[in-house]
């Protein structure tokens, strides 16, 4: 069904399809607040409105689904966007003059922190430079997830021979008793 000719009816349908209750949709569509609950209920029984609302809902759902994380391409795009943000952190850290003179500072993987040492008048604050293992872990996880999504990740498994025994094999025609020995 095409857009309803009555603009207020169309607006009402769109608001209902997006989740507004009937009374609120009725008022937002431009109708009076007076008697809105009864009038909205009556409008919901209008045949054209009853047909139009599910049509709009289907279109809204299709748009939401097209952008949804449930679609592989969208998940990969999100992973890629996050990967780029993580890489930006690394690039900006690598350019930070505060860590350039520190071993590994130009990698962008070094974080600078201050640590209090000692107590009382002998207390001091020292610079601490460490590899950002949390960032590295996050980047590894993003890489792994992207590889899984792209079908490029294979979990290692253990192979076994007949009845769960060892695999029997020869390499380049070279055999050995320990390789070809069949356990009994």
Protein backbone atom coordinates (compact mmCIF):
# COMPACT_ATOMS: atom_id res chain seq x y z
CA UNK A 1 0.00 0.00 0.00
CA UNK A 2 1.36 3.45 -0.84
CA UNK A 3 1.68 6.29 1.66
CA UNK A 4 -1.74 7.20 3.00
CA UNK A 5 -3.30 10.29 1.41
CA UNK A 6 -4.30 11.65 4.81
CA UNK A 7 -0.98 12.99 6.12
CA UNK A 8 -2.09 12.76 9.76
CA UNK A 9 -3.09 9.13 9.30
CA UNK A 10 0.29 8.38 7.72
CA UNK A 11 2.16 10.12 10.52
CA UNK A 12 0.07 8.22 13.08
CA UNK A 13 0.95 4.90 11.39
CA UNK A 14 4.66 5.74 11.31
CA UNK A 15 4.66 6.66 15.00
CA UNK A 16 2.82 3.49 15.98
CA UNK A 17 5.20 1.40 13.82
CA UNK A 18 8.17 2.94 15.62
CA UNK A 19 6.77 2.10 19.04
CA UNK A 20 4.67 5.04 20.26
CA UNK A 21 1.41 4.17 22.01
CA UNK A 22 -1.78 5.08 20.18
CA UNK A 23 -2.68 8.15 22.25
CA UNK A 24 0.81 9.64 22.03
CA UNK A 25 1.00 8.91 18.29
CA UNK A 26 -2.39 10.49 17.78
CA UNK A 27 -1.32 13.73 19.47
CA UNK A 28 2.11 13.80 17.76
CA UNK A 29 0.37 13.31 14.40
CA UNK A 30 -1.30 16.67 14.95
CA UNK A 31 -4.64 15.79 16.49
CA UNK A 32 -6.12 17.43 19.60
CA UNK A 33 -5.38 16.08 23.07
CA UNK A 34 -9.06 16.24 23.93
CA UNK A 35 -10.56 12.76 23.53
CA UNK A 36 -7.25 11.46 22.15
CA UNK A 37 -7.42 7.97 23.74
CA UNK A 38 -10.85 7.16 22.27
CA UNK A 39 -10.08 8.78 18.92
CA UNK A 40 -6.71 6.99 18.67
CA UNK A 41 -8.39 3.68 19.42
CA UNK A 42 -10.96 4.35 16.69
CA UNK A 43 -8.20 5.30 14.21
CA UNK A 44 -6.41 2.03 14.95
CA UNK A 45 -9.52 0.19 13.69
CA UNK A 46 -9.44 2.06 10.36
CA UNK A 47 -8.82 -0.55 7.62
CA UNK A 48 -6.15 1.46 5.78
CA UNK A 49 -4.34 2.20 9.06
CA UNK A 50 -4.50 -1.49 10.07
CA UNK A 51 -2.80 -2.45 6.79
CA UNK A 52 -0.30 0.43 6.72
CA UNK A 53 1.20 -0.05 10.22
CA UNK A 54 2.62 -3.57 9.58
CA UNK A 55 4.00 -2.40 6.23
CA UNK A 56 5.91 0.41 7.92
CA UNK A 57 7.05 -1.94 10.71
CA UNK A 58 8.41 -4.37 8.12
CA UNK A 59 10.39 -1.55 6.46
CA UNK A 60 11.72 -0.31 9.81
CA UNK A 61 12.71 -3.86 10.80
CA UNK A 62 14.47 -4.37 7.46
CA UNK A 63 16.46 -1.16 7.95
CA UNK A 64 17.38 -2.13 11.51
CA UNK A 65 18.39 -5.61 10.40
CA UNK A 66 20.47 -4.21 7.54
CA UNK A 67 22.50 -2.27 10.10
CA UNK A 68 22.43 -5.04 12.68
CA UNK A 69 25.45 -6.72 14.21
CA UNK A 70 23.80 -10.01 13.25
CA UNK A 71 24.98 -9.47 9.67
CA UNK A 72 28.53 -10.69 9.09
CA UNK A 73 29.59 -7.72 6.97
CA UNK A 74 28.42 -5.32 9.67
CA UNK A 75 30.31 -7.23 12.38
CA UNK A 76 33.45 -7.11 10.26
CA UNK A 77 32.96 -3.38 9.66
CA UNK A 78 32.60 -2.77 13.40
CA UNK A 79 35.70 -4.85 14.12
CA UNK A 80 37.62 -2.94 11.47
CA UNK A 81 36.49 0.42 12.84
CA UNK A 82 37.54 -0.57 16.36
CA UNK A 83 40.85 -1.91 15.02
CA UNK A 84 41.53 1.45 13.37
CA UNK A 85 40.80 3.25 16.64
CA UNK A 86 43.21 0.98 18.49
CA UNK A 87 45.84 1.61 15.81
CA UNK A 88 45.26 5.35 16.22
CA UNK A 89 46.06 5.03 19.91
CA UNK A 90 49.31 3.26 19.02
CA UNK A 91 50.22 5.91 16.41
CA UNK A 92 49.55 8.81 18.78
CA UNK A 93 51.50 7.20 21.59
CA UNK A 94 54.44 6.59 19.25
CA UNK A 95 54.55 10.34 18.57
CA UNK A 96 54.37 11.32 22.25
CA UNK A 97 57.66 13.08 23.18
CA UNK A 98 57.30 11.87 26.78
CA UNK A 99 58.03 8.26 25.77
CA UNK A 100 60.30 8.71 22.75
CA UNK A 101 63.47 8.32 24.76
CA UNK A 102 62.21 5.19 26.52
CA UNK A 103 63.05 1.76 25.15
CA UNK A 104 60.14 0.76 22.91
CA UNK A 105 58.58 4.19 23.20
CA UNK A 106 58.32 4.70 19.46
CA UNK A 107 56.28 1.48 19.12
CA UNK A 108 53.29 3.18 20.67
CA UNK A 109 52.83 0.24 23.00
CA UNK A 110 54.46 1.85 26.02
CA UNK A 111 52.36 3.56 28.68
CA UNK A 112 53.67 6.08 31.17
CA UNK A 113 52.50 6.11 34.75
CA UNK A 114 53.59 7.66 38.01
CA UNK A 115 54.10 5.55 41.10
CA UNK A 116 54.53 6.63 44.69
CA UNK A 117 57.47 4.99 46.42
CA UNK A 118 58.15 5.11 50.14
CA UNK A 119 56.30 6.88 52.93
CA UNK A 120 56.56 10.09 54.88
CA UNK A 121 59.31 12.59 54.09
CA UNK A 122 61.24 9.93 52.14
CA UNK A 123 58.31 9.37 49.76
CA UNK A 124 59.00 9.99 46.11
CA UNK A 125 57.16 9.75 42.84
CA UNK A 126 58.83 7.81 40.04
CA UNK A 127 58.08 7.41 36.36
CA UNK A 128 57.01 3.93 35.35
CA UNK A 129 57.00 2.81 31.72
CA UNK A 130 55.32 -0.46 30.82
CA UNK A 131 54.12 -2.30 27.76
CA UNK A 132 50.36 -1.88 27.48
CA UNK A 133 49.49 -5.56 27.61
CA UNK A 134 45.76 -4.82 27.85
CA UNK A 135 45.90 -2.97 24.52
CA UNK A 136 47.91 -5.78 22.96
CA UNK A 137 45.40 -8.34 24.21
CA UNK A 138 42.51 -6.31 22.82
CA UNK A 139 44.23 -6.02 19.45
CA UNK A 140 44.91 -9.78 19.38
CA UNK A 141 41.27 -10.47 20.21
CA UNK A 142 40.12 -8.14 17.42
CA UNK A 143 42.48 -9.83 14.97
CA UNK A 144 41.25 -13.25 16.01
CA UNK A 145 37.58 -12.27 15.81
CA UNK A 146 38.07 -10.72 12.37
CA UNK A 147 39.85 -13.87 11.18
CA UNK A 148 37.02 -16.01 12.54
CA UNK A 149 34.42 -13.84 10.81
CA UNK A 150 36.35 -14.05 7.54
CA UNK A 151 36.71 -17.83 7.82
CA UNK A 152 40.49 -17.55 8.15
CA UNK A 153 40.78 -18.97 11.67
CA UNK A 154 41.14 -22.65 12.40
CA UNK A 155 41.36 -23.99 15.91
CA UNK A 156 44.08 -26.55 16.36
CA UNK A 157 42.80 -29.98 17.17
CA UNK A 158 44.38 -33.24 18.10
CA UNK A 159 44.33 -35.96 15.49
CA UNK A 160 44.10 -39.55 16.52
CA UNK A 161 44.32 -42.83 14.71
CA UNK A 162 42.02 -45.85 14.85
CA UNK A 163 40.25 -46.30 18.17
CA UNK A 164 41.83 -43.10 19.50
CA UNK A 165 45.36 -44.43 19.13
CA UNK A 166 48.33 -42.60 17.62
CA UNK A 167 48.37 -41.54 13.98
CA UNK A 168 50.48 -43.74 11.76
CA UNK A 169 52.38 -41.99 8.99
CA UNK A 170 55.53 -41.87 6.89
CA UNK A 171 57.29 -38.68 5.80
CA UNK A 172 58.82 -38.48 2.30
CA UNK A 173 58.88 -42.25 2.06
CA UNK A 174 60.97 -42.51 5.22
CA UNK A 175 59.41 -44.88 7.65
CA UNK A 176 60.30 -45.74 11.16
CA UNK A 177 59.07 -48.38 13.52
CA UNK A 178 57.94 -45.74 15.98
CA UNK A 179 55.85 -44.09 13.28
CA UNK A 180 54.30 -47.10 11.67
CA UNK A 181 54.02 -49.34 14.67
CA UNK A 182 50.39 -50.25 15.18
CA UNK A 183 49.58 -50.43 18.90
CA UNK A 184 47.79 -53.60 19.96
